[in-house]
């Protein structure tokens, strides 16, 4: 086939704007595809937080995008890594303190905002005469775009002919809005039905994408299987089962240009699998910055991620309290999120002031130091589409202790004390006892430095670079693209 051309649409992309894993993927996957010879154009909203000084304004000739009214489109062009990037926006919709929400919660007009964005992508394609073979959208914020193209809501364009791929980064976030806002989508009345956008009396933008795309992929094979069953299907399992072989799983990659202890500028020193001694410097600095009591013979346990129900904070907090009662370990938690779970961690830190440090505002510099300075990374997630923290942790010789779910199954190998093979510690019985058992197993191995260092070296030798994942995405594009 001719050189593959992909229009990659997302609502965030690191390093310009990021709230979670989607931002990491949209910042890394297009670059990995371009490195393999794919012509990639990335489109994200023109948020007010983005520094546009390196971007060139585009004249859209007075183009407007409809979302209940005509909104003027602002467009900018630049380069990110090795590919084109376009910013599309409207000051009234995107010049705000937050991306999806502020301190009061989700923006009430998010349906208008992202309906506008999806239609602006179509206008951009027309203005630039883009003719990609693949239109790759991500999560609910851009999942409306394939539905707009496929339901006759707009006149046919070259984008209408593209193979349409939807990546679901987390099925729990579905873009659900009241049915009385349906007119804001601009979709035909006939599409509001059980086989279309309707979802339990509301509308779901994610469901619209699931229905209209040629293929749907999630960010790990195990999660792709899990979401077809009621327990993890979030009410979408029926429609996903109906799509059958068109639902695939591809494990996320890790950007080792950013996450690598050999060249990480955010660390006090570098280290690698052949020279692990400098990791102790990172460990000591982490404890010192948090004013935690130094420790040598007990592990430092790190947590990096959202403070949310999904992440199992209500399991982790009581388990750690019990574990610390019998173990002189240190615990460092980095993340922001739901208040009730924050309070659990605040209370844990108050109860164990010399052992627990809680950094309640996320920052990249802290994330790198926690990953490098911890001995273990804790991820007792109830469900985990892929997870990136465990991939980063292994590269830093920080051993993951994880629940056997989703992408954690696909990326972490449970340690076998007989063969001494594995890259982490897993538990299947979800709850405090199961998690505690995994912690104790890990601690037992940690007490034998020679074996622990071999485990660290094994984890650091795992390769989850984006090159492998990008090749799988290309195979998927070619499988479903029908010229």
Protein backbone atom coordinates (compact mmCIF):
# COMPACT_ATOMS: atom_id res chain seq x y z
CA UNK A 1 0.00 0.00 0.00
CA UNK A 2 1.06 3.64 -0.43
CA UNK A 3 2.58 5.46 2.50
CA UNK A 4 0.09 5.17 5.33
CA UNK A 5 -1.45 8.47 6.44
CA UNK A 6 -3.16 8.75 9.84
CA UNK A 7 -5.13 11.60 11.38
CA UNK A 8 -4.81 11.08 15.14
CA UNK A 9 -7.39 12.97 17.21
CA UNK A 10 -7.23 13.28 21.00
CA UNK A 11 -8.25 15.66 23.75
CA UNK A 12 -4.76 15.92 25.27
CA UNK A 13 -1.15 15.14 24.42
CA UNK A 14 2.00 15.35 26.52
CA UNK A 15 4.01 17.46 26.96
CA UNK A 16 1.58 20.21 25.87
CA UNK A 17 -1.37 19.21 28.04
CA UNK A 18 -1.92 16.06 30.09
CA UNK A 19 -4.25 14.78 32.78
CA UNK A 20 -3.51 11.05 32.55
CA UNK A 21 -2.60 8.07 30.39
CA UNK A 22 -4.36 9.39 27.29
CA UNK A 23 -2.00 12.37 27.29
CA UNK A 24 1.02 10.07 27.52
CA UNK A 25 -0.21 7.88 24.67
CA UNK A 26 -1.14 10.79 22.36
CA UNK A 27 2.24 12.35 23.06
CA UNK A 28 4.19 9.17 22.25
CA UNK A 29 2.27 6.92 19.82
CA UNK A 30 2.10 9.39 16.89
CA UNK A 31 5.85 9.94 17.19
CA UNK A 32 6.48 6.19 17.21
CA UNK A 33 4.27 5.75 14.14
CA UNK A 34 6.08 8.55 12.31
CA UNK A 35 9.41 6.94 13.14
CA UNK A 36 8.17 3.82 11.32
CA UNK A 37 7.32 5.80 8.20
CA UNK A 38 3.66 6.65 8.80
CA UNK A 39 2.57 10.18 7.91
CA UNK A 40 0.85 11.34 11.11
CA UNK A 41 -1.07 14.48 11.92
CA UNK A 42 -2.14 14.96 15.52
CA UNK A 43 -5.11 17.20 16.41
CA UNK A 44 -5.96 18.37 19.94
CA UNK A 45 -8.00 21.27 21.31
CA UNK A 46 -6.36 24.70 21.57
CA UNK A 47 -6.57 24.98 25.34
CA UNK A 48 -5.64 28.28 26.95
CA UNK A 49 -2.88 26.58 28.98
CA UNK A 50 -0.92 25.64 25.86
CA UNK A 51 1.94 27.97 24.96
CA UNK A 52 1.21 28.76 21.32
CA UNK A 53 4.35 30.81 20.66
CA UNK A 54 5.87 27.94 18.67
CA UNK A 55 2.71 27.51 16.57
CA UNK A 56 1.67 29.28 13.39
CA UNK A 57 -1.93 30.54 13.18
CA UNK A 58 -3.90 29.07 10.28
CA UNK A 59 -6.44 31.03 8.30
CA UNK A 60 -9.58 28.92 8.34
CA UNK A 61 -11.35 31.48 6.10
CA UNK A 62 -13.99 32.28 8.68
CA UNK A 63 -14.86 28.62 9.31
CA UNK A 64 -17.33 27.86 12.07
CA UNK A 65 -18.18 24.62 13.86
CA UNK A 66 -21.78 23.98 14.87
CA UNK A 67 -22.60 22.85 18.42
CA UNK A 68 -25.97 24.38 19.04
CA UNK A 69 -24.71 27.61 17.48
CA UNK A 70 -21.94 28.70 15.13
CA UNK A 71 -18.62 29.02 16.94
CA UNK A 72 -15.61 30.55 15.10
CA UNK A 73 -12.63 28.19 14.78
CA UNK A 74 -9.12 29.17 15.80
CA UNK A 75 -6.46 26.91 14.33
CA UNK A 76 -2.71 26.61 14.82
CA UNK A 77 -0.05 24.44 13.20
CA UNK A 78 3.24 23.25 14.60
CA UNK A 79 5.55 20.28 14.91
CA UNK A 80 5.72 17.92 17.87
CA UNK A 81 8.61 15.50 17.88
CA UNK A 82 8.62 14.31 14.23
CA UNK A 83 5.07 14.97 13.04
CA UNK A 84 2.52 17.71 12.43
CA UNK A 85 0.24 18.89 15.20
CA UNK A 86 -2.82 21.09 14.93
CA UNK A 87 -4.59 22.95 17.70
CA UNK A 88 -8.28 23.69 17.21
CA UNK A 89 -10.27 25.90 19.51
CA UNK A 90 -12.55 28.76 20.31
CA UNK A 91 -11.68 31.08 23.22
CA UNK A 92 -15.18 30.95 24.68
CA UNK A 93 -14.93 27.17 24.95
CA UNK A 94 -11.28 26.38 25.64
CA UNK A 95 -9.69 29.40 27.34
CA UNK A 96 -10.29 28.02 30.84
CA UNK A 97 -8.28 27.04 33.93
CA UNK A 98 -9.02 23.32 33.53
CA UNK A 99 -9.19 20.82 30.70
CA UNK A 100 -12.41 18.97 31.46
CA UNK A 101 -13.27 20.44 34.86
CA UNK A 102 -12.42 22.99 37.51
CA UNK A 103 -12.57 22.85 41.32
CA UNK A 104 -16.36 22.71 41.14
CA UNK A 105 -16.49 19.64 38.91
CA UNK A 106 -16.92 18.86 35.21
CA UNK A 107 -17.71 21.80 32.95
CA UNK A 108 -21.46 21.88 32.33
CA UNK A 109 -20.93 22.56 28.62
CA UNK A 110 -18.49 19.72 27.89
CA UNK A 111 -20.88 18.31 25.29
CA UNK A 112 -20.84 21.63 23.45
CA UNK A 113 -17.06 21.89 23.77
CA UNK A 114 -16.21 18.50 22.34
CA UNK A 115 -19.01 18.48 19.78
CA UNK A 116 -17.47 21.72 18.53
CA UNK A 117 -14.01 20.14 18.54
CA UNK A 118 -15.12 17.12 16.49
CA UNK A 119 -16.78 19.32 13.88
CA UNK A 120 -13.74 21.60 13.81
CA UNK A 121 -11.61 18.56 12.88
CA UNK A 122 -13.83 18.04 9.83
CA UNK A 123 -13.46 21.70 8.86
CA UNK A 124 -9.69 21.43 9.27
CA UNK A 125 -9.61 18.38 7.03
CA UNK A 126 -11.54 20.26 4.36
CA UNK A 127 -9.35 23.37 4.62
CA UNK A 128 -6.10 21.39 4.37
CA UNK A 129 -7.48 18.82 1.89
CA UNK A 130 -6.45 15.98 4.20
CA UNK A 131 -7.11 12.48 2.84
CA UNK A 132 -5.90 10.06 5.52
CA UNK A 133 -6.48 6.35 5.16
CA UNK A 134 -7.03 6.13 8.92
CA UNK A 135 -8.92 8.38 11.31
CA UNK A 136 -7.86 7.40 14.82
CA UNK A 137 -9.95 8.87 17.65
CA UNK A 138 -9.47 8.43 21.38
CA UNK A 139 -11.96 8.19 24.24
CA UNK A 140 -15.33 9.93 24.47
CA UNK A 141 -14.03 13.43 23.72
CA UNK A 142 -13.39 12.58 20.07
CA UNK A 143 -15.63 9.50 19.70
CA UNK A 144 -18.43 11.67 18.32
CA UNK A 145 -16.37 12.41 15.19
CA UNK A 146 -16.92 9.02 13.44
CA UNK A 147 -20.66 9.27 14.20
CA UNK A 148 -20.88 12.75 12.65
CA UNK A 149 -19.17 11.43 9.52
CA UNK A 150 -21.14 8.18 9.27
CA UNK A 151 -24.70 9.30 10.00
CA UNK A 152 -25.07 11.95 7.31
CA UNK A 153 -24.76 14.81 9.81
CA UNK A 154 -22.35 16.48 7.34
CA UNK A 155 -21.77 16.25 3.61
CA UNK A 156 -19.33 13.43 2.73
CA UNK A 157 -15.65 14.40 2.92
CA UNK A 158 -12.41 12.44 2.44
CA UNK A 159 -12.50 11.82 6.21
CA UNK A 160 -15.77 9.95 5.67
CA UNK A 161 -13.91 7.39 3.57
CA UNK A 162 -11.13 6.82 6.11
CA UNK A 163 -10.89 3.66 8.20
CA UNK A 164 -12.13 4.72 11.63
CA UNK A 165 -10.40 3.44 14.77
CA UNK A 166 -11.46 4.19 18.36
CA UNK A 167 -9.06 3.61 21.24
CA UNK A 168 -10.70 3.25 24.64
CA UNK A 169 -8.21 4.20 27.32
CA UNK A 170 -10.66 3.69 30.19
CA UNK A 171 -14.19 2.41 29.62
CA UNK A 172 -15.41 3.96 32.88
CA UNK A 173 -15.34 7.40 31.24
CA UNK A 174 -18.10 7.33 28.63
CA UNK A 175 -19.09 10.92 27.85
CA UNK A 176 -22.63 10.55 29.19
CA UNK A 177 -24.99 13.52 28.89
CA UNK A 178 -28.75 14.05 29.33
CA UNK A 179 -30.86 13.17 26.31
CA UNK A 180 -32.33 16.68 26.22
CA UNK A 181 -28.87 17.87 25.08
CA UNK A 182 -28.89 15.57 22.05
CA UNK A 183 -29.45 18.50 19.68
CA UNK A 184 -25.97 19.76 20.58
CA UNK A 185 -24.42 16.78 18.76
CA UNK A 186 -26.01 17.79 15.46
CA UNK A 187 -26.67 14.13 14.73
CA UNK A 188 -29.83 12.94 12.95
CA UNK A 189 -32.81 12.21 15.19
CA UNK A 190 -32.83 8.61 13.97
CA UNK A 191 -29.42 7.92 15.58
CA UNK A 192 -30.95 8.33 19.04
CA UNK A 193 -31.86 4.68 19.62
CA UNK A 194 -30.57 1.60 21.45
CA UNK A 195 -28.39 0.61 18.50
CA UNK A 196 -26.96 4.12 18.29
CA UNK A 197 -26.04 6.81 20.81
CA UNK A 198 -28.80 6.15 23.39
CA UNK A 199 -27.55 4.75 26.70
CA UNK A 200 -30.06 4.03 29.48
CA UNK A 201 -32.11 7.10 28.63
CA UNK A 202 -29.07 9.33 28.20
CA UNK A 203 -26.59 9.76 25.37
CA UNK A 204 -23.06 8.35 25.38
CA UNK A 205 -20.46 9.79 23.04
CA UNK A 206 -18.23 6.77 23.63
CA UNK A 207 -21.02 4.43 22.56
CA UNK A 208 -21.48 6.49 19.38
CA UNK A 209 -17.84 5.78 18.52
CA UNK A 210 -18.12 2.09 19.39
CA UNK A 211 -21.09 1.75 17.05
CA UNK A 212 -19.62 3.69 14.13
CA UNK A 213 -15.93 2.75 14.06
CA UNK A 214 -14.44 -0.02 11.94
CA UNK A 215 -12.42 -1.26 14.92
CA UNK A 216 -12.20 -0.56 18.61
CA UNK A 217 -9.06 -1.19 20.57
CA UNK A 218 -8.20 -0.96 24.22
CA UNK A 219 -4.78 -0.56 25.74
CA UNK A 220 -4.15 -4.20 26.67
CA UNK A 221 -5.41 -7.59 25.47
CA UNK A 222 -6.63 -8.66 28.92
CA UNK A 223 -8.67 -5.47 29.33
CA UNK A 224 -10.16 -5.99 25.86
CA UNK A 225 -11.44 -9.37 27.06
CA UNK A 226 -12.58 -8.05 30.46
CA UNK A 227 -14.78 -5.26 29.08
CA UNK A 228 -16.86 -7.79 27.13
CA UNK A 229 -18.12 -9.18 30.44
CA UNK A 230 -20.56 -7.44 32.83
CA UNK A 231 -18.09 -7.06 35.73
CA UNK A 232 -15.82 -4.67 33.82
CA UNK A 233 -18.13 -3.74 30.96
CA UNK A 234 -19.56 -0.60 32.61
CA UNK A 235 -22.88 -1.28 30.88
CA UNK A 236 -21.19 -1.45 27.45
CA UNK A 237 -20.37 -5.17 27.49
CA UNK A 238 -23.35 -6.05 25.27
CA UNK A 239 -22.44 -3.71 22.42
CA UNK A 240 -18.75 -4.68 22.74
CA UNK A 241 -19.59 -8.37 22.51
CA UNK A 242 -21.69 -7.56 19.47
CA UNK A 243 -18.64 -5.97 17.81
CA UNK A 244 -16.81 -9.28 18.39
CA UNK A 245 -13.49 -9.57 16.56
CA UNK A 246 -13.51 -5.83 15.89
CA UNK A 247 -12.52 -5.25 19.55
CA UNK A 248 -8.77 -5.66 20.02
CA UNK A 249 -6.14 -4.99 22.67
CA UNK A 250 -2.69 -3.47 22.22
CA UNK A 251 -0.48 -2.83 25.26
CA UNK A 252 0.66 0.75 25.71
CA UNK A 253 4.32 1.54 25.37
CA UNK A 254 6.65 3.46 27.63
CA UNK A 255 8.53 6.48 26.38
CA UNK A 256 12.07 5.64 27.41
CA UNK A 257 13.28 9.02 26.19
CA UNK A 258 11.41 10.41 29.19
CA UNK A 259 11.39 7.46 31.58
CA UNK A 260 14.90 6.05 31.79
CA UNK A 261 17.20 6.18 34.85
CA UNK A 262 20.29 6.33 32.64
CA UNK A 263 19.39 9.81 31.35
CA UNK A 264 16.66 11.21 33.58
CA UNK A 265 17.42 14.92 34.21
CA UNK A 266 14.94 15.03 37.10
CA UNK A 267 17.00 12.65 39.25
CA UNK A 268 19.98 13.57 41.47
CA UNK A 269 22.03 10.85 39.77
CA UNK A 270 21.75 8.28 37.00
CA UNK A 271 21.89 4.50 37.32
CA UNK A 272 21.30 1.33 35.31
CA UNK A 273 20.95 -2.42 35.78
CA UNK A 274 24.73 -2.81 35.78
CA UNK A 275 25.23 -0.13 38.41
CA UNK A 276 22.41 -0.02 40.95
CA UNK A 277 24.28 1.70 43.79
CA UNK A 278 23.26 5.25 42.72
CA UNK A 279 19.59 4.26 43.11
CA UNK A 280 20.21 4.51 46.87
CA UNK A 281 21.02 8.21 46.41
CA UNK A 282 17.59 8.71 44.85
CA UNK A 283 16.05 6.73 47.69
CA UNK A 284 17.76 8.83 50.36
CA UNK A 285 16.82 12.10 48.67
CA UNK A 286 13.20 11.03 48.43
CA UNK A 287 13.03 10.30 52.15
CA UNK A 288 14.97 13.44 53.04
CA UNK A 289 12.71 15.73 50.99
CA UNK A 290 9.66 14.29 52.76
CA UNK A 291 11.35 14.44 56.17
CA UNK A 292 10.83 10.73 56.68
CA UNK A 293 13.03 8.74 59.02
CA UNK A 294 15.92 7.08 57.10
CA UNK A 295 15.66 3.33 56.62
CA UNK A 296 18.05 0.74 55.28
CA UNK A 297 16.80 -2.78 55.88
CA UNK A 298 13.10 -2.19 55.17
CA UNK A 299 11.59 -1.22 51.81
CA UNK A 300 10.36 2.13 50.53
CA UNK A 301 6.91 1.64 49.00
CA UNK A 302 5.85 4.11 46.32
CA UNK A 303 2.45 4.98 44.88
CA UNK A 304 2.06 7.20 41.79
CA UNK A 305 -1.37 7.78 40.30
CA UNK A 306 -4.86 9.13 40.70
CA UNK A 307 -6.39 8.95 44.15
CA UNK A 308 -9.60 7.25 43.08
CA UNK A 309 -11.86 4.25 43.58
CA UNK A 310 -10.31 2.50 40.58
CA UNK A 311 -6.89 2.56 42.20
CA UNK A 312 -8.00 0.66 45.31
CA UNK A 313 -7.03 3.28 47.89
CA UNK A 314 -9.65 1.88 50.29
CA UNK A 315 -7.85 -1.48 50.12
CA UNK A 316 -4.35 -0.07 50.20
CA UNK A 317 -4.72 2.26 53.21
CA UNK A 318 -5.85 -0.34 55.79
CA UNK A 319 -3.43 -2.92 54.37
CA UNK A 320 -0.52 -0.49 54.77
CA UNK A 321 -1.58 0.34 58.33
CA UNK A 322 -1.43 -3.37 59.17
CA UNK A 323 1.82 -3.85 57.27
CA UNK A 324 3.52 -0.90 58.99
CA UNK A 325 2.52 -2.27 62.38
CA UNK A 326 4.82 -5.22 61.67
CA UNK A 327 7.36 -3.62 59.32
CA UNK A 328 9.57 -0.53 59.55
CA UNK A 329 8.94 0.33 55.88
CA UNK A 330 8.40 3.80 54.39
CA UNK A 331 5.44 4.75 52.20
CA UNK A 332 5.39 7.61 49.68
CA UNK A 333 2.15 8.46 47.87
CA UNK A 334 1.94 10.95 45.00
CA UNK A 335 -1.37 11.86 43.43
CA UNK A 336 -4.52 13.93 43.53
CA UNK A 337 -8.15 12.94 43.23
CA UNK A 338 -11.27 12.13 45.18
CA UNK A 339 -11.55 13.77 48.60
CA UNK A 340 -12.71 10.71 50.55
CA UNK A 341 -9.65 8.75 49.46
CA UNK A 342 -7.36 11.73 50.06
CA UNK A 343 -8.63 11.80 53.63
CA UNK A 344 -7.72 8.12 54.08
CA UNK A 345 -4.14 8.90 53.06
CA UNK A 346 -3.98 12.07 55.15
CA UNK A 347 -5.07 10.06 58.20
CA UNK A 348 -2.50 7.36 57.41
CA UNK A 349 0.26 9.98 57.25
CA UNK A 350 -0.89 11.49 60.56
CA UNK A 351 -0.89 8.08 62.24
CA UNK A 352 2.61 7.25 60.92
CA UNK A 353 4.39 10.63 60.53
CA UNK A 354 7.88 9.11 60.40
CA UNK A 355 6.92 6.46 57.86
CA UNK A 356 4.36 7.96 55.46
CA UNK A 357 4.71 10.90 53.08
CA UNK A 358 1.72 12.08 51.04
CA UNK A 359 2.22 14.54 48.16
CA UNK A 360 -1.33 15.51 47.21
CA UNK A 361 -0.54 17.55 44.09
CA UNK A 362 0.87 15.70 41.10
CA UNK A 363 4.10 16.90 39.53
CA UNK A 364 6.42 15.30 36.98
CA UNK A 365 9.55 15.93 39.07
CA UNK A 366 8.03 14.19 42.08
CA UNK A 367 6.78 11.33 39.88
CA UNK A 368 10.28 10.62 38.61
CA UNK A 369 11.84 10.80 42.08
CA UNK A 370 9.20 8.50 43.61
CA UNK A 371 9.71 5.97 40.81
CA UNK A 372 13.50 6.06 41.17
CA UNK A 373 13.64 6.27 44.96
CA UNK A 374 11.16 3.52 45.83
CA UNK A 375 11.94 -0.17 46.14
CA UNK A 376 8.40 -1.25 45.24
CA UNK A 377 5.50 0.35 43.40
CA UNK A 378 2.04 -0.44 44.75
CA UNK A 379 -0.88 -0.78 42.30
CA UNK A 380 -3.83 -2.55 43.96
CA UNK A 381 -6.13 -1.36 41.18
CA UNK A 382 -9.65 -2.77 41.01
CA UNK A 383 -9.29 -2.60 37.24
CA UNK A 384 -6.52 -1.25 35.05
CA UNK A 385 -6.92 -0.83 31.28
CA UNK A 386 -3.14 -0.87 30.87
CA UNK A 387 -1.30 1.17 33.45
CA UNK A 388 1.88 3.04 32.72
CA UNK A 389 3.29 3.45 36.22
CA UNK A 390 4.29 -0.21 36.43
CA UNK A 391 6.12 0.06 33.09
CA UNK A 392 8.06 3.09 34.30
CA UNK A 393 8.72 1.45 37.68
CA UNK A 394 10.29 -1.65 36.19
CA UNK A 395 12.66 0.48 34.13
CA UNK A 396 13.81 2.14 37.37
CA UNK A 397 14.31 -1.17 39.18
CA UNK A 398 11.23 -0.53 41.31
CA UNK A 399 9.32 -3.76 41.67
CA UNK A 400 5.53 -3.59 41.11
CA UNK A 401 3.09 -5.16 43.56
CA UNK A 402 -0.16 -5.35 41.61
CA UNK A 403 -3.65 -6.79 41.38
CA UNK A 404 -4.01 -9.38 38.61
CA UNK A 405 -6.26 -7.38 36.31
CA UNK A 406 -6.25 -5.84 32.83
CA UNK A 407 -2.95 -4.58 31.55
CA UNK A 408 -1.19 -5.48 34.80
CA UNK A 409 -1.62 -9.14 33.84
CA UNK A 410 -0.10 -8.43 30.43
CA UNK A 411 2.93 -6.50 31.67
CA UNK A 412 3.94 -7.89 35.09
CA UNK A 413 5.13 -11.46 35.60
CA UNK A 414 4.49 -12.86 39.08
CA UNK A 415 7.69 -13.79 40.90
CA UNK A 416 8.28 -17.52 41.40
CA UNK A 417 10.59 -18.19 44.37
CA UNK A 418 11.48 -21.67 43.08
CA UNK A 419 12.65 -20.57 39.64
CA UNK A 420 13.45 -16.98 40.73
CA UNK A 421 11.74 -15.80 37.58
CA UNK A 422 9.38 -12.84 37.40
CA UNK A 423 9.25 -9.06 37.44
CA UNK A 424 6.81 -8.32 40.27
CA UNK A 425 4.28 -9.65 42.75
CA UNK A 426 0.60 -10.21 41.94
CA UNK A 427 -2.53 -11.03 43.92
CA UNK A 428 -5.82 -12.34 42.57
CA UNK A 429 -8.13 -12.35 45.61
CA UNK A 430 -9.10 -8.70 45.73
CA UNK A 431 -9.15 -7.16 49.17
CA UNK A 432 -6.94 -6.31 52.13
CA UNK A 433 -5.83 -9.92 52.87
CA UNK A 434 -4.83 -10.60 49.26
CA UNK A 435 -2.88 -7.37 48.94
CA UNK A 436 -1.18 -7.93 52.31
CA UNK A 437 -0.10 -11.41 51.25
CA UNK A 438 1.54 -9.99 48.11
CA UNK A 439 3.27 -7.29 50.17
CA UNK A 440 4.65 -9.86 52.58
CA UNK A 441 5.86 -12.06 49.71
CA UNK A 442 7.69 -9.08 48.23
CA UNK A 443 9.15 -8.06 51.58
CA UNK A 444 10.49 -11.57 52.16
CA UNK A 445 12.45 -11.43 48.89
CA UNK A 446 13.59 -7.87 49.63
CA UNK A 447 15.28 -9.15 52.80
CA UNK A 448 17.73 -11.14 50.63
CA UNK A 449 19.61 -8.38 48.75
CA UNK A 450 21.33 -10.68 46.25
CA UNK A 451 18.03 -12.17 45.05
CA UNK A 452 16.29 -8.79 45.11
CA UNK A 453 18.98 -7.23 42.94
CA UNK A 454 18.59 -10.04 40.39
CA UNK A 455 14.84 -9.35 40.40
CA UNK A 456 15.54 -5.64 39.84
CA UNK A 457 17.82 -6.43 36.91
CA UNK A 458 15.16 -8.68 35.37
CA UNK A 459 12.53 -5.94 35.66
CA UNK A 460 14.87 -3.32 34.20
CA UNK A 461 15.54 -5.57 31.23
CA UNK A 462 11.89 -5.60 30.09
CA UNK A 463 11.24 -3.75 26.86
CA UNK A 464 7.91 -1.95 26.58
CA UNK A 465 9.12 0.65 24.11
CA UNK A 466 6.57 2.25 21.81
CA UNK A 467 8.20 0.74 18.72
CA UNK A 468 6.60 -2.67 19.32
CA UNK A 469 3.19 -1.19 20.13
CA UNK A 470 3.32 1.13 17.13
CA UNK A 471 3.94 -1.82 14.81
CA UNK A 472 0.84 -3.53 16.23
CA UNK A 473 -1.19 -0.37 15.57
CA UNK A 474 0.04 -0.34 11.96
CA UNK A 475 -1.02 -3.98 11.59
CA UNK A 476 -4.47 -3.05 12.92
CA UNK A 477 -4.76 -0.11 10.52
CA UNK A 478 -3.86 -2.33 7.59
CA UNK A 479 -6.25 -5.07 8.75
CA UNK A 480 -9.28 -2.81 8.79
CA UNK A 481 -8.48 -0.29 6.07
CA UNK A 482 -10.45 -1.19 2.96
CA UNK A 483 -9.35 0.95 -0.05
